[in-house]
């Protein structure tokens, strides 16, 4: 499995950060790593149903985490 960093987010809450990766394996999936105080809190995987949908949803999740909309 190969992982490519697509984007990083830091937001309104300085203690939160998120990284979005494109995962190449059998299908192209997206993985979001959610950090709080530099510690990995959660990892979410968005499986490909269409490339645009998976990437858009992953980036939206990263933004919402950094804005404090995901607890």
N, C-alpha and C. Protein backbone atom coordinates (compact mmCIF):
# COMPACT_ATOMS: atom_id res chain seq x y z
N UNK A 1 0.85 -1.18 0.00
CA UNK A 1 0.00 0.00 0.00
C UNK A 1 0.89 1.24 0.00
N UNK A 2 0.56 2.18 -0.86
CA UNK A 2 1.30 3.42 -0.96
C UNK A 2 0.38 4.57 -0.56
N UNK A 3 0.90 5.46 0.26
CA UNK A 3 0.12 6.57 0.80
C UNK A 3 0.76 7.89 0.34
N UNK A 4 -0.06 8.77 -0.28
CA UNK A 4 0.40 10.08 -0.73
C UNK A 4 -0.37 11.17 0.02
N UNK A 5 0.35 12.11 0.60
CA UNK A 5 -0.29 13.21 1.31
C UNK A 5 -0.91 14.17 0.30
N UNK A 6 -2.22 14.41 0.43
CA UNK A 6 -2.93 15.34 -0.46
C UNK A 6 -2.93 16.74 0.14
N UNK A 7 -3.31 16.84 1.42
CA UNK A 7 -3.36 18.15 2.07
C UNK A 7 -3.31 18.02 3.58
N UNK A 8 -2.99 19.11 4.22
CA UNK A 8 -2.98 19.21 5.68
C UNK A 8 -3.85 20.40 6.07
N UNK A 9 -4.55 20.27 7.18
CA UNK A 9 -5.39 21.36 7.67
C UNK A 9 -5.05 21.67 9.12
N UNK A 10 -5.00 22.95 9.42
CA UNK A 10 -4.94 23.45 10.78
C UNK A 10 -5.99 24.54 10.83
N UNK A 11 -6.76 24.57 11.88
CA UNK A 11 -7.88 25.49 11.83
C UNK A 11 -8.03 26.39 13.02
N UNK A 12 -9.30 26.72 13.28
CA UNK A 12 -9.68 27.62 14.35
C UNK A 12 -9.19 27.13 15.70
N UNK A 13 -9.11 25.83 15.83
CA UNK A 13 -8.63 25.25 17.09
C UNK A 13 -7.16 24.87 16.91
N UNK A 14 -6.25 25.60 17.54
CA UNK A 14 -4.83 25.37 17.29
C UNK A 14 -4.33 24.00 17.75
N UNK A 15 -5.08 23.35 18.62
CA UNK A 15 -4.65 22.04 19.11
C UNK A 15 -5.06 20.91 18.16
N UNK A 16 -5.75 21.25 17.04
CA UNK A 16 -6.23 20.23 16.10
C UNK A 16 -5.57 20.37 14.74
N UNK A 17 -5.32 19.22 14.14
CA UNK A 17 -4.70 19.15 12.82
C UNK A 17 -5.26 17.92 12.12
N UNK A 18 -5.32 17.95 10.79
CA UNK A 18 -5.79 16.81 10.03
C UNK A 18 -4.95 16.66 8.77
N UNK A 19 -4.70 15.41 8.39
CA UNK A 19 -3.95 15.11 7.17
C UNK A 19 -4.78 14.18 6.31
N UNK A 20 -4.85 14.49 5.02
CA UNK A 20 -5.62 13.67 4.08
C UNK A 20 -4.63 12.98 3.14
N UNK A 21 -4.78 11.66 3.03
CA UNK A 21 -3.91 10.85 2.18
C UNK A 21 -4.69 10.16 1.08
N UNK A 22 -4.07 10.01 -0.06
CA UNK A 22 -4.60 9.19 -1.15
C UNK A 22 -3.90 7.84 -1.04
N UNK A 23 -4.68 6.78 -0.91
CA UNK A 23 -4.14 5.43 -0.74
C UNK A 23 -4.28 4.68 -2.04
N UNK A 24 -3.18 4.15 -2.54
CA UNK A 24 -3.26 3.36 -3.76
C UNK A 24 -3.06 1.90 -3.40
N UNK A 25 -4.08 1.13 -3.60
CA UNK A 25 -4.01 -0.31 -3.45
C UNK A 25 -4.85 -0.90 -4.56
N UNK A 26 -5.74 -1.80 -4.28
CA UNK A 26 -6.61 -2.33 -5.33
C UNK A 26 -7.49 -1.23 -5.89
N UNK A 27 -8.03 -0.39 -5.03
CA UNK A 27 -8.81 0.77 -5.45
C UNK A 27 -8.16 2.01 -4.85
N UNK A 28 -8.54 3.16 -5.38
CA UNK A 28 -8.02 4.43 -4.84
C UNK A 28 -8.94 4.89 -3.72
N UNK A 29 -8.46 4.80 -2.49
CA UNK A 29 -9.23 5.22 -1.33
C UNK A 29 -8.57 6.46 -0.72
N UNK A 30 -9.27 7.08 0.23
CA UNK A 30 -8.72 8.24 0.93
C UNK A 30 -8.77 7.99 2.43
N UNK A 31 -7.74 8.45 3.11
CA UNK A 31 -7.61 8.23 4.54
C UNK A 31 -7.41 9.59 5.20
N UNK A 32 -8.10 9.82 6.29
CA UNK A 32 -7.97 11.08 7.03
C UNK A 32 -7.46 10.76 8.43
N UNK A 33 -6.37 11.40 8.80
CA UNK A 33 -5.80 11.24 10.14
C UNK A 33 -6.15 12.49 10.93
N UNK A 34 -6.83 12.31 12.06
CA UNK A 34 -7.27 13.42 12.89
C UNK A 34 -6.40 13.48 14.15
N UNK A 35 -5.75 14.60 14.36
CA UNK A 35 -4.83 14.78 15.49
C UNK A 35 -5.37 15.83 16.45
N UNK A 36 -5.12 15.60 17.73
CA UNK A 36 -5.39 16.60 18.76
C UNK A 36 -4.20 16.61 19.70
N UNK A 37 -3.63 17.78 19.92
CA UNK A 37 -2.41 17.93 20.74
C UNK A 37 -1.30 17.01 20.22
N UNK A 38 -1.13 16.97 18.90
CA UNK A 38 -0.09 16.19 18.22
C UNK A 38 -0.23 14.68 18.43
N UNK A 39 -1.39 14.23 18.84
CA UNK A 39 -1.63 12.80 19.07
C UNK A 39 -2.75 12.33 18.13
N UNK A 40 -2.53 11.21 17.45
CA UNK A 40 -3.54 10.67 16.55
C UNK A 40 -4.74 10.21 17.35
N UNK A 41 -5.90 10.82 17.08
CA UNK A 41 -7.13 10.52 17.80
C UNK A 41 -7.96 9.50 17.03
N UNK A 42 -8.01 9.69 15.72
CA UNK A 42 -8.86 8.83 14.90
C UNK A 42 -8.33 8.81 13.47
N UNK A 43 -8.58 7.68 12.80
CA UNK A 43 -8.27 7.56 11.39
C UNK A 43 -9.54 7.10 10.68
N UNK A 44 -9.93 7.83 9.63
CA UNK A 44 -11.13 7.48 8.87
C UNK A 44 -10.73 7.15 7.44
N UNK A 45 -11.33 6.09 6.91
CA UNK A 45 -11.07 5.68 5.54
C UNK A 45 -12.33 5.88 4.72
N UNK A 46 -12.17 6.54 3.59
CA UNK A 46 -13.28 6.74 2.66
C UNK A 46 -13.00 5.92 1.43
N UNK A 47 -13.82 4.90 1.24
CA UNK A 47 -13.62 3.98 0.13
C UNK A 47 -14.15 4.59 -1.16
N UNK A 48 -13.47 4.26 -2.21
CA UNK A 48 -13.81 4.85 -3.52
C UNK A 48 -15.13 4.31 -4.05
N UNK A 49 -16.04 5.23 -4.31
CA UNK A 49 -17.19 4.89 -5.14
C UNK A 49 -17.05 5.72 -6.41
N UNK A 50 -16.48 6.89 -6.25
CA UNK A 50 -15.99 7.68 -7.38
C UNK A 50 -14.87 8.54 -6.82
N UNK A 51 -13.86 8.78 -7.58
CA UNK A 51 -12.67 9.48 -7.07
C UNK A 51 -13.01 10.86 -6.51
N UNK A 52 -13.82 11.63 -7.20
CA UNK A 52 -14.16 12.98 -6.74
C UNK A 52 -14.91 12.93 -5.41
N UNK A 53 -15.86 12.01 -5.27
CA UNK A 53 -16.63 11.92 -4.04
C UNK A 53 -15.74 11.59 -2.86
N UNK A 54 -14.88 10.62 -3.00
CA UNK A 54 -14.02 10.21 -1.89
C UNK A 54 -13.08 11.30 -1.44
N UNK A 55 -12.46 11.98 -2.40
CA UNK A 55 -11.51 13.04 -2.05
C UNK A 55 -12.23 14.22 -1.42
N UNK A 56 -13.36 14.62 -1.97
CA UNK A 56 -14.12 15.75 -1.45
C UNK A 56 -14.59 15.48 -0.02
N UNK A 57 -15.10 14.30 0.22
CA UNK A 57 -15.58 13.94 1.56
C UNK A 57 -14.43 13.90 2.56
N UNK A 58 -13.29 13.37 2.15
CA UNK A 58 -12.13 13.31 3.04
C UNK A 58 -11.64 14.71 3.41
N UNK A 59 -11.57 15.61 2.45
CA UNK A 59 -11.13 16.98 2.72
C UNK A 59 -12.14 17.71 3.59
N UNK A 60 -13.42 17.51 3.34
CA UNK A 60 -14.47 18.11 4.19
C UNK A 60 -14.35 17.64 5.63
N UNK A 61 -14.07 16.36 5.82
CA UNK A 61 -13.90 15.81 7.17
C UNK A 61 -12.73 16.49 7.87
N UNK A 62 -11.62 16.66 7.18
CA UNK A 62 -10.45 17.31 7.76
C UNK A 62 -10.77 18.74 8.18
N UNK A 63 -11.47 19.47 7.31
CA UNK A 63 -11.84 20.85 7.63
C UNK A 63 -12.77 20.91 8.84
N UNK A 64 -13.77 20.04 8.87
CA UNK A 64 -14.73 20.04 9.99
C UNK A 64 -14.06 19.69 11.30
N UNK A 65 -13.08 18.79 11.27
CA UNK A 65 -12.34 18.43 12.48
C UNK A 65 -11.60 19.65 13.02
N UNK A 66 -10.91 20.35 12.14
CA UNK A 66 -10.12 21.51 12.56
C UNK A 66 -10.98 22.68 13.03
N UNK A 67 -12.19 22.78 12.51
CA UNK A 67 -13.11 23.83 12.95
C UNK A 67 -13.85 23.47 14.25
N UNK A 68 -13.70 22.23 14.70
CA UNK A 68 -14.35 21.81 15.94
C UNK A 68 -15.76 21.30 15.74
N UNK A 69 -16.16 21.04 14.50
CA UNK A 69 -17.51 20.56 14.23
C UNK A 69 -17.65 19.05 14.46
N UNK A 70 -16.52 18.35 14.51
CA UNK A 70 -16.48 16.92 14.84
C UNK A 70 -15.86 16.79 16.21
N UNK A 71 -16.52 16.06 17.09
CA UNK A 71 -16.01 15.91 18.48
C UNK A 71 -15.44 14.54 18.70
